[in-house]
ModelCIF file with pLDDT and N, C-alpha, C, O atoms, coordinates in Angstrom:
data_MODEL
#
_entry.id   MODEL 
#
_entity.id                         1 
_entity.type                       polymer 
_entity.pdbx_number_of_molecules   1 
#
_entity_poly.entity_id                      1 
_entity_poly.type                           'polypeptide(L)' 
_entity_poly.nstd_linkage                   no 
_entity_poly.nstd_monomer                   no 
_entity_poly.pdbx_seq_one_letter_code       AREEMWHMHWLGMIIGKMGGEPDLTPAPYPHDPTNRKTIFKSYVA 
_entity_poly.pdbx_seq_one_letter_code_can   AREEMWHMHWLGMIIGKMGGEPDLTPAPYPHDPTNRKTIFKSYVA 
_entity_poly.pdbx_strand_id                 A 
#
loop_
_entity_poly_seq.entity_id 
_entity_poly_seq.num 
_entity_poly_seq.mon_id 
_entity_poly_seq.hetero 
1 1  ALA n 
1 2  ARG n 
1 3  GLU n 
1 4  GLU n 
1 5  MET n 
1 6  TRP n 
1 7  HIS n 
1 8  MET n 
1 9  HIS n 
1 10 TRP n 
1 11 LEU n 
1 12 GLY n 
1 13 MET n 
1 14 ILE n 
1 15 ILE n 
1 16 GLY n 
1 17 LYS n 
1 18 MET n 
1 19 GLY n 
1 20 GLY n 
1 21 GLU n 
1 22 PRO n 
1 23 ASP n 
1 24 LEU n 
1 25 THR n 
1 26 PRO n 
1 27 ALA n 
1 28 PRO n 
1 29 TYR n 
1 30 PRO n 
1 31 HIS n 
1 32 ASP n 
1 33 PRO n 
1 34 THR n 
1 35 ASN n 
1 36 ARG n 
1 37 LYS n 
1 38 THR n 
1 39 ILE n 
1 40 PHE n 
1 41 LYS n 
1 42 SER n 
1 43 TYR n 
1 44 VAL n 
1 45 ALA n 
#
_struct_asym.id          A 
_struct_asym.entity_id   1 
#
loop_
_ma_qa_metric.id 
_ma_qa_metric.mode 
_ma_qa_metric.name 
_ma_qa_metric.software_group_id 
_ma_qa_metric.type 
1 global pLDDT . pLDDT 
2 local  pLDDT . pLDDT 
#
_ma_qa_metric_global.metric_id      1 
_ma_qa_metric_global.metric_value   95.93 
_ma_qa_metric_global.model_id       1 
_ma_qa_metric_global.ordinal_id     1 
#
loop_
_ma_qa_metric_local.label_asym_id 
_ma_qa_metric_local.label_comp_id 
_ma_qa_metric_local.label_seq_id 
_ma_qa_metric_local.metric_id 
_ma_qa_metric_local.metric_value 
_ma_qa_metric_local.model_id 
_ma_qa_metric_local.ordinal_id 
A ALA 1  2 97.00 1 1  
A ARG 2  2 95.00 1 2  
A GLU 3  2 96.00 1 3  
A GLU 4  2 97.00 1 4  
A MET 5  2 95.00 1 5  
A TRP 6  2 95.00 1 6  
A HIS 7  2 96.00 1 7  
A MET 8  2 97.00 1 8  
A HIS 9  2 95.00 1 9  
A TRP 10 2 95.00 1 10 
A LEU 11 2 97.00 1 11 
A GLY 12 2 96.00 1 12 
A MET 13 2 94.00 1 13 
A ILE 14 2 96.00 1 14 
A ILE 15 2 96.00 1 15 
A GLY 16 2 93.00 1 16 
A LYS 17 2 91.00 1 17 
A MET 18 2 94.00 1 18 
A GLY 19 2 92.00 1 19 
A GLY 20 2 94.00 1 20 
A GLU 21 2 94.00 1 21 
A PRO 22 2 95.00 1 22 
A ASP 23 2 95.00 1 23 
A LEU 24 2 96.00 1 24 
A THR 25 2 96.00 1 25 
A PRO 26 2 97.00 1 26 
A ALA 27 2 97.00 1 27 
A PRO 28 2 96.00 1 28 
A TYR 29 2 97.00 1 29 
A PRO 30 2 95.00 1 30 
A HIS 31 2 96.00 1 31 
A ASP 32 2 97.00 1 32 
A PRO 33 2 95.00 1 33 
A THR 34 2 96.00 1 34 
A ASN 35 2 96.00 1 35 
A ARG 36 2 97.00 1 36 
A LYS 37 2 97.00 1 37 
A THR 38 2 98.00 1 38 
A ILE 39 2 98.00 1 39 
A PHE 40 2 98.00 1 40 
A LYS 41 2 98.00 1 41 
A SER 42 2 98.00 1 42 
A TYR 43 2 98.00 1 43 
A VAL 44 2 98.00 1 44 
A ALA 45 2 98.00 1 45 
#
loop_
_atom_site.group_PDB 
_atom_site.id 
_atom_site.type_symbol 
_atom_site.label_atom_id 
_atom_site.label_alt_id 
_atom_site.label_comp_id 
_atom_site.label_asym_id 
_atom_site.label_entity_id 
_atom_site.label_seq_id 
_atom_site.pdbx_PDB_ins_code 
_atom_site.Cartn_x 
_atom_site.Cartn_y 
_atom_site.Cartn_z 
_atom_site.occupancy 
_atom_site.B_iso_or_equiv 
_atom_site.pdbx_formal_charge 
_atom_site.auth_seq_id 
_atom_site.auth_comp_id 
_atom_site.auth_asym_id 
_atom_site.auth_atom_id 
_atom_site.pdbx_PDB_model_num 
ATOM 1   N N  . ALA A 1 1  ? 24.806 15.583 41.259 1.00 97.00 ? 1  ALA A N  1 
ATOM 2   C CA . ALA A 1 1  ? 23.797 15.045 42.489 1.00 97.00 ? 1  ALA A CA 1 
ATOM 3   C C  . ALA A 1 1  ? 23.538 15.832 43.579 1.00 97.00 ? 1  ALA A C  1 
ATOM 4   O O  . ALA A 1 1  ? 22.453 16.324 43.888 1.00 97.00 ? 1  ALA A O  1 
ATOM 5   N N  . ARG A 1 2  ? 24.795 15.945 44.257 1.00 95.00 ? 2  ARG A N  1 
ATOM 6   C CA . ARG A 1 2  ? 25.013 16.739 45.388 1.00 95.00 ? 2  ARG A CA 1 
ATOM 7   C C  . ARG A 1 2  ? 24.482 18.414 45.464 1.00 95.00 ? 2  ARG A C  1 
ATOM 8   O O  . ARG A 1 2  ? 23.988 19.020 46.415 1.00 95.00 ? 2  ARG A O  1 
ATOM 9   N N  . GLU A 1 3  ? 24.720 18.768 44.409 1.00 96.00 ? 3  GLU A N  1 
ATOM 10  C CA . GLU A 1 3  ? 24.193 20.451 44.089 1.00 96.00 ? 3  GLU A CA 1 
ATOM 11  C C  . GLU A 1 3  ? 22.549 20.214 43.788 1.00 96.00 ? 3  GLU A C  1 
ATOM 12  O O  . GLU A 1 3  ? 21.821 21.158 44.095 1.00 96.00 ? 3  GLU A O  1 
ATOM 13  N N  . GLU A 1 4  ? 22.045 19.253 43.324 1.00 97.00 ? 4  GLU A N  1 
ATOM 14  C CA . GLU A 1 4  ? 20.536 19.260 42.962 1.00 97.00 ? 4  GLU A CA 1 
ATOM 15  C C  . GLU A 1 4  ? 19.677 19.049 44.583 1.00 97.00 ? 4  GLU A C  1 
ATOM 16  O O  . GLU A 1 4  ? 18.586 19.405 45.030 1.00 97.00 ? 4  GLU A O  1 
ATOM 17  N N  . MET A 1 5  ? 20.606 18.437 44.997 1.00 95.00 ? 5  MET A N  1 
ATOM 18  C CA . MET A 1 5  ? 20.303 17.880 47.003 1.00 95.00 ? 5  MET A CA 1 
ATOM 19  C C  . MET A 1 5  ? 20.145 19.291 47.349 1.00 95.00 ? 5  MET A C  1 
ATOM 20  O O  . MET A 1 5  ? 19.179 19.689 48.001 1.00 95.00 ? 5  MET A O  1 
ATOM 21  N N  . TRP A 1 6  ? 21.134 20.100 46.899 1.00 95.00 ? 6  TRP A N  1 
ATOM 22  C CA . TRP A 1 6  ? 20.965 21.641 47.505 1.00 95.00 ? 6  TRP A CA 1 
ATOM 23  C C  . TRP A 1 6  ? 19.638 22.315 46.979 1.00 95.00 ? 6  TRP A C  1 
ATOM 24  O O  . TRP A 1 6  ? 18.785 22.656 47.798 1.00 95.00 ? 6  TRP A O  1 
ATOM 25  N N  . HIS A 1 7  ? 19.473 22.486 45.810 1.00 96.00 ? 7  HIS A N  1 
ATOM 26  C CA . HIS A 1 7  ? 18.296 22.996 44.932 1.00 96.00 ? 7  HIS A CA 1 
ATOM 27  C C  . HIS A 1 7  ? 17.086 22.286 45.903 1.00 96.00 ? 7  HIS A C  1 
ATOM 28  O O  . HIS A 1 7  ? 16.482 22.938 46.756 1.00 96.00 ? 7  HIS A O  1 
ATOM 29  N N  . MET A 1 8  ? 16.913 21.306 45.719 1.00 97.00 ? 8  MET A N  1 
ATOM 30  C CA . MET A 1 8  ? 15.644 20.111 46.385 1.00 97.00 ? 8  MET A CA 1 
ATOM 31  C C  . MET A 1 8  ? 15.591 21.081 47.973 1.00 97.00 ? 8  MET A C  1 
ATOM 32  O O  . MET A 1 8  ? 14.706 21.934 48.044 1.00 97.00 ? 8  MET A O  1 
ATOM 33  N N  . HIS A 1 9  ? 16.197 20.970 48.742 1.00 95.00 ? 9  HIS A N  1 
ATOM 34  C CA . HIS A 1 9  ? 16.662 21.493 49.883 1.00 95.00 ? 9  HIS A CA 1 
ATOM 35  C C  . HIS A 1 9  ? 15.870 22.938 50.088 1.00 95.00 ? 9  HIS A C  1 
ATOM 36  O O  . HIS A 1 9  ? 14.875 23.137 50.785 1.00 95.00 ? 9  HIS A O  1 
ATOM 37  N N  . TRP A 1 10 ? 16.733 24.053 49.132 1.00 95.00 ? 10 TRP A N  1 
ATOM 38  C CA . TRP A 1 10 ? 16.409 25.155 49.521 1.00 95.00 ? 10 TRP A CA 1 
ATOM 39  C C  . TRP A 1 10 ? 14.696 25.269 48.830 1.00 95.00 ? 10 TRP A C  1 
ATOM 40  O O  . TRP A 1 10 ? 14.218 26.395 48.968 1.00 95.00 ? 10 TRP A O  1 
ATOM 41  N N  . LEU A 1 11 ? 13.789 24.255 48.138 1.00 97.00 ? 11 LEU A N  1 
ATOM 42  C CA . LEU A 1 11 ? 12.670 24.612 47.815 1.00 97.00 ? 11 LEU A CA 1 
ATOM 43  C C  . LEU A 1 11 ? 11.930 24.112 49.402 1.00 97.00 ? 11 LEU A C  1 
ATOM 44  O O  . LEU A 1 11 ? 11.260 24.941 50.019 1.00 97.00 ? 11 LEU A O  1 
ATOM 45  N N  . GLY A 1 12 ? 12.118 22.815 49.912 1.00 96.00 ? 12 GLY A N  1 
ATOM 46  C CA . GLY A 1 12 ? 11.402 22.541 50.842 1.00 96.00 ? 12 GLY A CA 1 
ATOM 47  C C  . GLY A 1 12 ? 11.791 23.009 52.051 1.00 96.00 ? 12 GLY A C  1 
ATOM 48  O O  . GLY A 1 12 ? 11.091 22.568 52.963 1.00 96.00 ? 12 GLY A O  1 
ATOM 49  N N  . MET A 1 13 ? 12.879 23.932 52.473 1.00 94.00 ? 13 MET A N  1 
ATOM 50  C CA . MET A 1 13 ? 12.864 24.753 53.688 1.00 94.00 ? 13 MET A CA 1 
ATOM 51  C C  . MET A 1 13 ? 11.611 26.091 53.253 1.00 94.00 ? 13 MET A C  1 
ATOM 52  O O  . MET A 1 13 ? 10.746 26.445 54.053 1.00 94.00 ? 13 MET A O  1 
ATOM 53  N N  . ILE A 1 14 ? 11.772 26.717 51.768 1.00 96.00 ? 14 ILE A N  1 
ATOM 54  C CA . ILE A 1 14 ? 10.540 27.447 51.756 1.00 96.00 ? 14 ILE A CA 1 
ATOM 55  C C  . ILE A 1 14 ? 9.372  26.842 52.200 1.00 96.00 ? 14 ILE A C  1 
ATOM 56  O O  . ILE A 1 14 ? 8.927  27.308 53.248 1.00 96.00 ? 14 ILE A O  1 
ATOM 57  N N  . ILE A 1 15 ? 8.545  25.622 51.516 1.00 96.00 ? 15 ILE A N  1 
ATOM 58  C CA . ILE A 1 15 ? 7.236  25.240 52.009 1.00 96.00 ? 15 ILE A CA 1 
ATOM 59  C C  . ILE A 1 15 ? 7.136  25.073 53.279 1.00 96.00 ? 15 ILE A C  1 
ATOM 60  O O  . ILE A 1 15 ? 6.150  25.388 53.945 1.00 96.00 ? 15 ILE A O  1 
ATOM 61  N N  . GLY A 1 16 ? 8.283  24.501 53.751 1.00 93.00 ? 16 GLY A N  1 
ATOM 62  C CA . GLY A 1 16 ? 7.968  24.415 55.299 1.00 93.00 ? 16 GLY A CA 1 
ATOM 63  C C  . GLY A 1 16 ? 7.744  25.425 56.116 1.00 93.00 ? 16 GLY A C  1 
ATOM 64  O O  . GLY A 1 16 ? 6.786  25.575 56.874 1.00 93.00 ? 16 GLY A O  1 
ATOM 65  N N  . LYS A 1 17 ? 9.070  26.431 55.865 1.00 91.00 ? 17 LYS A N  1 
ATOM 66  C CA . LYS A 1 17 ? 8.482  27.678 56.852 1.00 91.00 ? 17 LYS A CA 1 
ATOM 67  C C  . LYS A 1 17 ? 7.131  28.506 56.266 1.00 91.00 ? 17 LYS A C  1 
ATOM 68  O O  . LYS A 1 17 ? 6.621  29.450 56.870 1.00 91.00 ? 17 LYS A O  1 
ATOM 69  N N  . MET A 1 18 ? 6.709  28.043 55.141 1.00 94.00 ? 18 MET A N  1 
ATOM 70  C CA . MET A 1 18 ? 5.100  28.563 54.548 1.00 94.00 ? 18 MET A CA 1 
ATOM 71  C C  . MET A 1 18 ? 4.328  28.023 55.554 1.00 94.00 ? 18 MET A C  1 
ATOM 72  O O  . MET A 1 18 ? 3.581  28.746 56.213 1.00 94.00 ? 18 MET A O  1 
ATOM 73  N N  . GLY A 1 19 ? 4.428  26.724 55.771 1.00 92.00 ? 19 GLY A N  1 
ATOM 74  C CA . GLY A 1 19 ? 3.432  26.084 56.746 1.00 92.00 ? 19 GLY A CA 1 
ATOM 75  C C  . GLY A 1 19 ? 2.743  24.885 55.608 1.00 92.00 ? 19 GLY A C  1 
ATOM 76  O O  . GLY A 1 19 ? 1.662  24.295 55.626 1.00 92.00 ? 19 GLY A O  1 
ATOM 77  N N  . GLY A 1 20 ? 3.695  24.851 54.814 1.00 94.00 ? 20 GLY A N  1 
ATOM 78  C CA . GLY A 1 20 ? 3.363  23.682 53.650 1.00 94.00 ? 20 GLY A CA 1 
ATOM 79  C C  . GLY A 1 20 ? 3.349  21.993 54.047 1.00 94.00 ? 20 GLY A C  1 
ATOM 80  O O  . GLY A 1 20 ? 3.722  21.677 55.177 1.00 94.00 ? 20 GLY A O  1 
ATOM 81  N N  . GLU A 1 21 ? 3.040  21.250 53.369 1.00 94.00 ? 21 GLU A N  1 
ATOM 82  C CA . GLU A 1 21 ? 3.628  20.000 53.009 1.00 94.00 ? 21 GLU A CA 1 
ATOM 83  C C  . GLU A 1 21 ? 4.111  19.815 51.765 1.00 94.00 ? 21 GLU A C  1 
ATOM 84  O O  . GLU A 1 21 ? 3.471  19.949 50.723 1.00 94.00 ? 21 GLU A O  1 
ATOM 85  N N  . PRO A 1 22 ? 5.827  19.346 51.935 1.00 95.00 ? 22 PRO A N  1 
ATOM 86  C CA . PRO A 1 22 ? 5.906  19.043 50.824 1.00 95.00 ? 22 PRO A CA 1 
ATOM 87  C C  . PRO A 1 22 ? 5.850  17.664 50.097 1.00 95.00 ? 22 PRO A C  1 
ATOM 88  O O  . PRO A 1 22 ? 5.571  16.617 50.680 1.00 95.00 ? 22 PRO A O  1 
ATOM 89  N N  . ASP A 1 23 ? 6.121  17.756 48.863 1.00 95.00 ? 23 ASP A N  1 
ATOM 90  C CA . ASP A 1 23 ? 5.441  16.483 48.251 1.00 95.00 ? 23 ASP A CA 1 
ATOM 91  C C  . ASP A 1 23 ? 6.736  16.099 47.353 1.00 95.00 ? 23 ASP A C  1 
ATOM 92  O O  . ASP A 1 23 ? 7.253  16.705 46.415 1.00 95.00 ? 23 ASP A O  1 
ATOM 93  N N  . LEU A 1 24 ? 7.133  14.654 48.090 1.00 96.00 ? 24 LEU A N  1 
ATOM 94  C CA . LEU A 1 24 ? 8.381  14.129 47.724 1.00 96.00 ? 24 LEU A CA 1 
ATOM 95  C C  . LEU A 1 24 ? 8.550  13.049 46.677 1.00 96.00 ? 24 LEU A C  1 
ATOM 96  O O  . LEU A 1 24 ? 9.433  12.210 46.494 1.00 96.00 ? 24 LEU A O  1 
ATOM 97  N N  . THR A 1 25 ? 7.390  13.344 46.031 1.00 96.00 ? 25 THR A N  1 
ATOM 98  C CA . THR A 1 25 ? 7.216  12.000 44.739 1.00 96.00 ? 25 THR A CA 1 
ATOM 99  C C  . THR A 1 25 ? 7.953  12.590 43.216 1.00 96.00 ? 25 THR A C  1 
ATOM 100 O O  . THR A 1 25 ? 7.431  13.324 42.377 1.00 96.00 ? 25 THR A O  1 
ATOM 101 N N  . PRO A 1 26 ? 9.108  12.084 43.214 1.00 97.00 ? 26 PRO A N  1 
ATOM 102 C CA . PRO A 1 26 ? 9.849  12.637 42.003 1.00 97.00 ? 26 PRO A CA 1 
ATOM 103 C C  . PRO A 1 26 ? 9.136  12.478 40.486 1.00 97.00 ? 26 PRO A C  1 
ATOM 104 O O  . PRO A 1 26 ? 8.609  11.411 40.170 1.00 97.00 ? 26 PRO A O  1 
ATOM 105 N N  . ALA A 1 27 ? 9.158  13.287 39.849 1.00 97.00 ? 27 ALA A N  1 
ATOM 106 C CA . ALA A 1 27 ? 8.962  14.021 38.710 1.00 97.00 ? 27 ALA A CA 1 
ATOM 107 C C  . ALA A 1 27 ? 9.799  12.678 37.833 1.00 97.00 ? 27 ALA A C  1 
ATOM 108 O O  . ALA A 1 27 ? 10.914 12.361 38.248 1.00 97.00 ? 27 ALA A O  1 
ATOM 109 N N  . PRO A 1 28 ? 9.204  11.927 36.621 1.00 96.00 ? 28 PRO A N  1 
ATOM 110 C CA . PRO A 1 28 ? 9.990  11.526 35.738 1.00 96.00 ? 28 PRO A CA 1 
ATOM 111 C C  . PRO A 1 28 ? 11.242 12.274 35.130 1.00 96.00 ? 28 PRO A C  1 
ATOM 112 O O  . PRO A 1 28 ? 11.279 13.489 34.931 1.00 96.00 ? 28 PRO A O  1 
ATOM 113 N N  . TYR A 1 29 ? 12.301 11.348 34.854 1.00 97.00 ? 29 TYR A N  1 
ATOM 114 C CA . TYR A 1 29 ? 13.338 12.290 34.123 1.00 97.00 ? 29 TYR A CA 1 
ATOM 115 C C  . TYR A 1 29 ? 13.790 11.537 32.617 1.00 97.00 ? 29 TYR A C  1 
ATOM 116 O O  . TYR A 1 29 ? 14.553 10.589 32.433 1.00 97.00 ? 29 TYR A O  1 
ATOM 117 N N  . PRO A 1 30 ? 13.160 12.190 31.832 1.00 95.00 ? 30 PRO A N  1 
ATOM 118 C CA . PRO A 1 30 ? 13.144 11.581 30.679 1.00 95.00 ? 30 PRO A CA 1 
ATOM 119 C C  . PRO A 1 30 ? 14.470 11.648 29.812 1.00 95.00 ? 30 PRO A C  1 
ATOM 120 O O  . PRO A 1 30 ? 14.914 12.774 29.586 1.00 95.00 ? 30 PRO A O  1 
ATOM 121 N N  . HIS A 1 31 ? 15.170 10.503 29.286 1.00 96.00 ? 31 HIS A N  1 
ATOM 122 C CA . HIS A 1 31 ? 16.457 10.234 28.886 1.00 96.00 ? 31 HIS A CA 1 
ATOM 123 C C  . HIS A 1 31 ? 16.499 8.740  27.798 1.00 96.00 ? 31 HIS A C  1 
ATOM 124 O O  . HIS A 1 31 ? 15.954 7.637  27.755 1.00 96.00 ? 31 HIS A O  1 
ATOM 125 N N  . ASP A 1 32 ? 17.249 9.328  27.214 1.00 97.00 ? 32 ASP A N  1 
ATOM 126 C CA . ASP A 1 32 ? 17.734 8.193  25.849 1.00 97.00 ? 32 ASP A CA 1 
ATOM 127 C C  . ASP A 1 32 ? 18.603 7.359  26.532 1.00 97.00 ? 32 ASP A C  1 
ATOM 128 O O  . ASP A 1 32 ? 19.777 7.723  26.606 1.00 97.00 ? 32 ASP A O  1 
ATOM 129 N N  . PRO A 1 33 ? 18.203 6.110  27.147 1.00 95.00 ? 33 PRO A N  1 
ATOM 130 C CA . PRO A 1 33 ? 19.344 5.049  27.891 1.00 95.00 ? 33 PRO A CA 1 
ATOM 131 C C  . PRO A 1 33 ? 20.471 4.171  26.727 1.00 95.00 ? 33 PRO A C  1 
ATOM 132 O O  . PRO A 1 33 ? 21.355 3.341  26.939 1.00 95.00 ? 33 PRO A O  1 
ATOM 133 N N  . THR A 1 34 ? 20.065 4.666  25.732 1.00 96.00 ? 34 THR A N  1 
ATOM 134 C CA . THR A 1 34 ? 20.944 3.588  24.452 1.00 96.00 ? 34 THR A CA 1 
ATOM 135 C C  . THR A 1 34 ? 22.152 3.580  24.865 1.00 96.00 ? 34 THR A C  1 
ATOM 136 O O  . THR A 1 34 ? 22.727 2.514  25.082 1.00 96.00 ? 34 THR A O  1 
ATOM 137 N N  . ASN A 1 35 ? 22.717 4.716  25.036 1.00 96.00 ? 35 ASN A N  1 
ATOM 138 C CA . ASN A 1 35 ? 24.225 4.652  25.548 1.00 96.00 ? 35 ASN A CA 1 
ATOM 139 C C  . ASN A 1 35 ? 24.899 5.706  26.599 1.00 96.00 ? 35 ASN A C  1 
ATOM 140 O O  . ASN A 1 35 ? 24.191 6.367  27.358 1.00 96.00 ? 35 ASN A O  1 
ATOM 141 N N  . ARG A 1 36 ? 26.268 5.808  26.585 1.00 97.00 ? 36 ARG A N  1 
ATOM 142 C CA . ARG A 1 36 ? 26.289 7.060  27.595 1.00 97.00 ? 36 ARG A CA 1 
ATOM 143 C C  . ARG A 1 36 ? 26.160 8.439  26.341 1.00 97.00 ? 36 ARG A C  1 
ATOM 144 O O  . ARG A 1 36 ? 25.668 9.482  26.770 1.00 97.00 ? 36 ARG A O  1 
ATOM 145 N N  . LYS A 1 37 ? 26.506 8.414  25.165 1.00 97.00 ? 37 LYS A N  1 
ATOM 146 C CA . LYS A 1 37 ? 26.018 9.793  24.343 1.00 97.00 ? 37 LYS A CA 1 
ATOM 147 C C  . LYS A 1 37 ? 25.037 10.220 24.685 1.00 97.00 ? 37 LYS A C  1 
ATOM 148 O O  . LYS A 1 37 ? 25.031 11.200 25.430 1.00 97.00 ? 37 LYS A O  1 
ATOM 149 N N  . THR A 1 38 ? 23.912 9.647  24.269 1.00 98.00 ? 38 THR A N  1 
ATOM 150 C CA . THR A 1 38 ? 22.718 9.833  24.189 1.00 98.00 ? 38 THR A CA 1 
ATOM 151 C C  . THR A 1 38 ? 22.088 9.989  25.738 1.00 98.00 ? 38 THR A C  1 
ATOM 152 O O  . THR A 1 38 ? 21.092 10.660 26.009 1.00 98.00 ? 38 THR A O  1 
ATOM 153 N N  . ILE A 1 39 ? 22.577 9.522  26.318 1.00 98.00 ? 39 ILE A N  1 
ATOM 154 C CA . ILE A 1 39 ? 22.588 9.482  28.061 1.00 98.00 ? 39 ILE A CA 1 
ATOM 155 C C  . ILE A 1 39 ? 22.536 11.185 28.576 1.00 98.00 ? 39 ILE A C  1 
ATOM 156 O O  . ILE A 1 39 ? 21.567 11.857 28.927 1.00 98.00 ? 39 ILE A O  1 
ATOM 157 N N  . PHE A 1 40 ? 24.167 11.592 28.443 1.00 98.00 ? 40 PHE A N  1 
ATOM 158 C CA . PHE A 1 40 ? 24.530 12.780 28.386 1.00 98.00 ? 40 PHE A CA 1 
ATOM 159 C C  . PHE A 1 40 ? 23.840 13.856 27.756 1.00 98.00 ? 40 PHE A C  1 
ATOM 160 O O  . PHE A 1 40 ? 23.637 14.908 28.362 1.00 98.00 ? 40 PHE A O  1 
ATOM 161 N N  . LYS A 1 41 ? 23.407 13.639 26.398 1.00 98.00 ? 41 LYS A N  1 
ATOM 162 C CA . LYS A 1 41 ? 22.914 14.282 25.845 1.00 98.00 ? 41 LYS A CA 1 
ATOM 163 C C  . LYS A 1 41 ? 21.418 14.850 26.234 1.00 98.00 ? 41 LYS A C  1 
ATOM 164 O O  . LYS A 1 41 ? 20.999 15.995 26.067 1.00 98.00 ? 41 LYS A O  1 
ATOM 165 N N  . SER A 1 42 ? 20.654 13.581 26.871 1.00 98.00 ? 42 SER A N  1 
ATOM 166 C CA . SER A 1 42 ? 19.453 14.157 27.476 1.00 98.00 ? 42 SER A CA 1 
ATOM 167 C C  . SER A 1 42 ? 19.513 14.859 28.931 1.00 98.00 ? 42 SER A C  1 
ATOM 168 O O  . SER A 1 42 ? 18.543 15.402 29.461 1.00 98.00 ? 42 SER A O  1 
ATOM 169 N N  . TYR A 1 43 ? 20.987 14.749 29.571 1.00 98.00 ? 43 TYR A N  1 
ATOM 170 C CA . TYR A 1 43 ? 21.046 15.484 30.541 1.00 98.00 ? 43 TYR A CA 1 
ATOM 171 C C  . TYR A 1 43 ? 20.996 16.974 30.252 1.00 98.00 ? 43 TYR A C  1 
ATOM 172 O O  . TYR A 1 43 ? 20.188 17.750 30.763 1.00 98.00 ? 43 TYR A O  1 
ATOM 173 N N  . VAL A 1 44 ? 21.820 17.251 29.494 1.00 98.00 ? 44 VAL A N  1 
ATOM 174 C CA . VAL A 1 44 ? 22.312 18.452 28.870 1.00 98.00 ? 44 VAL A CA 1 
ATOM 175 C C  . VAL A 1 44 ? 20.612 18.937 28.621 1.00 98.00 ? 44 VAL A C  1 
ATOM 176 O O  . VAL A 1 44 ? 20.095 19.710 29.427 1.00 98.00 ? 44 VAL A O  1 
ATOM 177 N N  . ALA A 1 45 ? 19.782 18.367 27.362 1.00 98.00 ? 45 ALA A N  1 
ATOM 178 C CA . ALA A 1 45 ? 18.567 19.275 27.589 1.00 98.00 ? 45 ALA A CA 1 
ATOM 179 C C  . ALA A 1 45 ? 17.805 19.003 28.614 1.00 98.00 ? 45 ALA A C  1 
ATOM 180 O O  . ALA A 1 45 ? 16.815 19.696 28.849 1.00 98.00 ? 45 ALA A O  1 
#
């Protein structure tokens, strides 16, 4: 999660530097919540 925060930060810094407005609405994260095995399989995909 912390590494994904850096990813998001790099992108946001670029948009801000360009004079744009960042969109902070998260996209859906499709995953199968049946159990841990299906959840982690979804993360890999």
